[in-house]
């Protein structure tokens, strides 16, 4: 069985929000890619607080129910 990436962005809810989990733990709910990036920075997935997080990196993030442009 293939391992999943550490970050999962779950399918959008009816409101368009997407739950974000890191290693199976919910770290928050995002309403856009900027919020996903902020959650991942807070979880330590960026080299520094002002550094970019690669939201399209397959080994890092699995987008379920759509890609990083799918919000509802």
N, C-alpha and C. Protein backbone atom coordinates (compact mmCIF):
# COMPACT_ATOMS: atom_id res chain seq x y z
N UNK A 1 0.85 -1.18 0.00
CA UNK A 1 0.00 0.00 0.00
C UNK A 1 0.89 1.24 0.00
N UNK A 2 0.60 2.18 -0.88
CA UNK A 2 1.40 3.40 -0.99
C UNK A 2 1.08 4.35 0.16
N UNK A 3 2.10 5.00 0.64
CA UNK A 3 1.92 5.96 1.73
C UNK A 3 1.34 7.26 1.17
N UNK A 4 0.51 7.89 1.97
CA UNK A 4 -0.04 9.19 1.59
C UNK A 4 0.95 10.28 1.96
N UNK A 5 0.89 11.42 1.27
CA UNK A 5 1.70 12.56 1.69
C UNK A 5 1.29 12.98 3.10
N UNK A 6 2.15 13.71 3.81
CA UNK A 6 1.81 14.10 5.18
C UNK A 6 0.63 15.05 5.29
N UNK A 7 0.36 15.83 4.23
CA UNK A 7 -0.71 16.82 4.27
C UNK A 7 -1.84 16.38 3.34
N UNK A 8 -3.07 16.39 3.88
CA UNK A 8 -4.25 16.09 3.08
C UNK A 8 -5.17 17.31 3.15
N UNK A 9 -5.57 17.80 1.97
CA UNK A 9 -6.59 18.84 1.89
C UNK A 9 -7.84 18.11 1.41
N UNK A 10 -8.83 18.03 2.28
CA UNK A 10 -10.02 17.23 2.04
C UNK A 10 -10.99 17.94 1.10
N UNK A 11 -11.97 17.20 0.54
CA UNK A 11 -12.92 17.81 -0.39
C UNK A 11 -13.67 18.99 0.22
N UNK A 12 -14.09 19.92 -0.62
CA UNK A 12 -14.82 21.09 -0.12
C UNK A 12 -16.15 20.68 0.52
N UNK A 13 -16.51 21.38 1.57
CA UNK A 13 -17.83 21.22 2.19
C UNK A 13 -18.83 22.02 1.36
N UNK A 14 -20.08 22.00 1.77
CA UNK A 14 -21.12 22.76 1.07
C UNK A 14 -20.80 24.26 1.05
N UNK A 15 -20.08 24.73 2.09
CA UNK A 15 -19.73 26.16 2.15
C UNK A 15 -18.47 26.48 1.35
N UNK A 16 -17.78 25.45 0.85
CA UNK A 16 -16.55 25.66 0.10
C UNK A 16 -15.30 25.52 0.93
N UNK A 17 -15.44 25.41 2.25
CA UNK A 17 -14.28 25.25 3.14
C UNK A 17 -13.71 23.84 2.99
N UNK A 18 -12.41 23.73 3.20
CA UNK A 18 -11.74 22.43 3.11
C UNK A 18 -10.95 22.17 4.38
N UNK A 19 -11.17 20.99 4.96
CA UNK A 19 -10.44 20.58 6.16
C UNK A 19 -9.02 20.22 5.74
N UNK A 20 -8.05 20.57 6.58
CA UNK A 20 -6.64 20.29 6.31
C UNK A 20 -6.10 19.44 7.45
N UNK A 21 -5.50 18.30 7.11
CA UNK A 21 -4.90 17.45 8.12
C UNK A 21 -3.41 17.27 7.84
N UNK A 22 -2.65 17.14 8.91
CA UNK A 22 -1.21 16.87 8.83
C UNK A 22 -0.97 15.62 9.67
N UNK A 23 -0.44 14.59 9.02
CA UNK A 23 -0.20 13.31 9.69
C UNK A 23 -1.46 12.82 10.42
N UNK A 24 -2.62 13.00 9.78
CA UNK A 24 -3.88 12.52 10.32
C UNK A 24 -4.54 13.40 11.36
N UNK A 25 -3.91 14.52 11.72
CA UNK A 25 -4.47 15.43 12.72
C UNK A 25 -5.00 16.68 12.04
N UNK A 26 -6.21 17.09 12.40
CA UNK A 26 -6.79 18.30 11.82
C UNK A 26 -6.01 19.51 12.32
N UNK A 27 -5.52 20.33 11.38
CA UNK A 27 -4.80 21.55 11.75
C UNK A 27 -5.64 22.80 11.47
N UNK A 28 -6.75 22.63 10.77
CA UNK A 28 -7.63 23.76 10.53
C UNK A 28 -8.52 23.56 9.33
N UNK A 29 -9.27 24.60 9.03
CA UNK A 29 -10.18 24.62 7.89
C UNK A 29 -9.79 25.83 7.05
N UNK A 30 -9.67 25.61 5.75
CA UNK A 30 -9.24 26.67 4.84
C UNK A 30 -10.36 27.03 3.87
N UNK A 31 -10.42 28.31 3.52
CA UNK A 31 -11.38 28.81 2.55
C UNK A 31 -10.69 29.26 1.26
N UNK A 32 -9.41 29.02 1.16
CA UNK A 32 -8.65 29.39 -0.02
C UNK A 32 -7.21 28.92 0.13
N UNK A 33 -6.48 28.98 -0.95
CA UNK A 33 -5.10 28.47 -0.91
C UNK A 33 -4.20 29.25 0.04
N UNK A 34 -4.47 30.55 0.23
CA UNK A 34 -3.68 31.33 1.17
C UNK A 34 -3.82 30.81 2.60
N UNK A 35 -5.03 30.39 2.95
CA UNK A 35 -5.24 29.83 4.29
C UNK A 35 -4.57 28.46 4.43
N UNK A 36 -4.54 27.67 3.36
CA UNK A 36 -3.82 26.39 3.40
C UNK A 36 -2.34 26.67 3.65
N UNK A 37 -1.79 27.62 2.92
CA UNK A 37 -0.37 27.96 3.08
C UNK A 37 -0.09 28.43 4.51
N UNK A 38 -0.97 29.26 5.07
CA UNK A 38 -0.77 29.74 6.44
C UNK A 38 -0.81 28.59 7.45
N UNK A 39 -1.73 27.65 7.26
CA UNK A 39 -1.80 26.50 8.16
C UNK A 39 -0.53 25.66 8.07
N UNK A 40 -0.01 25.50 6.86
CA UNK A 40 1.21 24.69 6.69
C UNK A 40 2.45 25.41 7.21
N UNK A 41 2.50 26.73 7.07
CA UNK A 41 3.61 27.48 7.68
C UNK A 41 3.58 27.30 9.19
N UNK A 42 2.39 27.40 9.78
CA UNK A 42 2.26 27.24 11.23
C UNK A 42 2.64 25.83 11.68
N UNK A 43 2.44 24.86 10.79
CA UNK A 43 2.78 23.47 11.11
C UNK A 43 4.24 23.14 10.81
N UNK A 44 5.00 24.13 10.32
CA UNK A 44 6.43 23.93 10.09
C UNK A 44 6.82 23.45 8.71
N UNK A 45 5.96 23.61 7.71
CA UNK A 45 6.26 23.14 6.37
C UNK A 45 6.88 24.20 5.47
N UNK A 46 7.38 25.28 6.05
CA UNK A 46 8.09 26.31 5.30
C UNK A 46 9.38 26.60 6.04
N UNK A 47 10.44 26.96 5.32
CA UNK A 47 11.72 27.23 5.97
C UNK A 47 11.68 28.41 6.94
N UNK A 48 10.76 29.32 6.74
CA UNK A 48 10.64 30.48 7.62
C UNK A 48 9.23 31.03 7.58
N UNK A 49 8.89 31.93 8.49
CA UNK A 49 7.51 32.42 8.57
C UNK A 49 7.04 33.19 7.34
N UNK A 50 7.96 33.75 6.58
CA UNK A 50 7.58 34.50 5.38
C UNK A 50 7.90 33.74 4.09
N UNK A 51 8.27 32.48 4.22
CA UNK A 51 8.65 31.68 3.06
C UNK A 51 7.42 31.02 2.44
N UNK A 52 7.49 30.77 1.15
CA UNK A 52 6.38 30.15 0.42
C UNK A 52 6.31 28.66 0.74
N UNK A 53 5.10 28.15 0.69
CA UNK A 53 4.86 26.72 0.81
C UNK A 53 4.42 26.24 -0.57
N UNK A 54 5.03 25.15 -1.04
CA UNK A 54 4.70 24.62 -2.37
C UNK A 54 3.39 23.84 -2.30
N UNK A 55 2.30 24.47 -2.66
CA UNK A 55 0.99 23.85 -2.56
C UNK A 55 0.71 22.82 -3.64
N UNK A 56 1.54 22.77 -4.67
CA UNK A 56 1.33 21.81 -5.75
C UNK A 56 2.37 20.69 -5.74
N UNK A 57 3.05 20.50 -4.62
CA UNK A 57 4.07 19.46 -4.52
C UNK A 57 3.42 18.13 -4.13
N UNK A 58 3.36 17.15 -5.06
CA UNK A 58 2.66 15.89 -4.80
C UNK A 58 3.19 15.11 -3.59
N UNK A 59 4.47 15.14 -3.32
CA UNK A 59 5.01 14.41 -2.18
C UNK A 59 4.66 15.03 -0.84
N UNK A 60 4.16 16.26 -0.86
CA UNK A 60 3.82 16.98 0.36
C UNK A 60 2.32 17.01 0.60
N UNK A 61 1.54 17.30 -0.44
CA UNK A 61 0.10 17.53 -0.29
C UNK A 61 -0.69 16.65 -1.24
N UNK A 62 -1.75 16.07 -0.70
CA UNK A 62 -2.73 15.36 -1.52
C UNK A 62 -4.02 16.18 -1.49
N UNK A 63 -4.45 16.63 -2.65
CA UNK A 63 -5.69 17.40 -2.77
C UNK A 63 -6.80 16.43 -3.14
N UNK A 64 -7.78 16.29 -2.27
CA UNK A 64 -8.89 15.37 -2.52
C UNK A 64 -10.13 16.17 -2.92
N UNK A 65 -10.87 15.64 -3.88
CA UNK A 65 -12.09 16.30 -4.31
C UNK A 65 -11.85 17.56 -5.13
N UNK A 66 -10.71 17.64 -5.77
CA UNK A 66 -10.37 18.79 -6.59
C UNK A 66 -8.95 19.25 -6.30
N UNK A 67 -8.49 20.19 -7.08
CA UNK A 67 -7.11 20.68 -6.91
C UNK A 67 -7.09 21.97 -6.10
N UNK A 68 -5.95 22.65 -6.10
CA UNK A 68 -5.83 23.84 -5.28
C UNK A 68 -6.69 25.01 -5.75
N UNK A 69 -7.35 24.87 -6.88
CA UNK A 69 -8.27 25.91 -7.35
C UNK A 69 -9.74 25.54 -7.13
N UNK A 70 -10.00 24.42 -6.45
CA UNK A 70 -11.37 23.95 -6.21
C UNK A 70 -11.82 24.32 -4.82
N UNK A 71 -12.76 25.24 -4.73
CA UNK A 71 -13.27 25.72 -3.44
C UNK A 71 -14.78 25.85 -3.47
N UNK A 72 -15.47 24.75 -3.61
CA UNK A 72 -16.94 24.77 -3.54
C UNK A 72 -17.63 24.59 -4.83
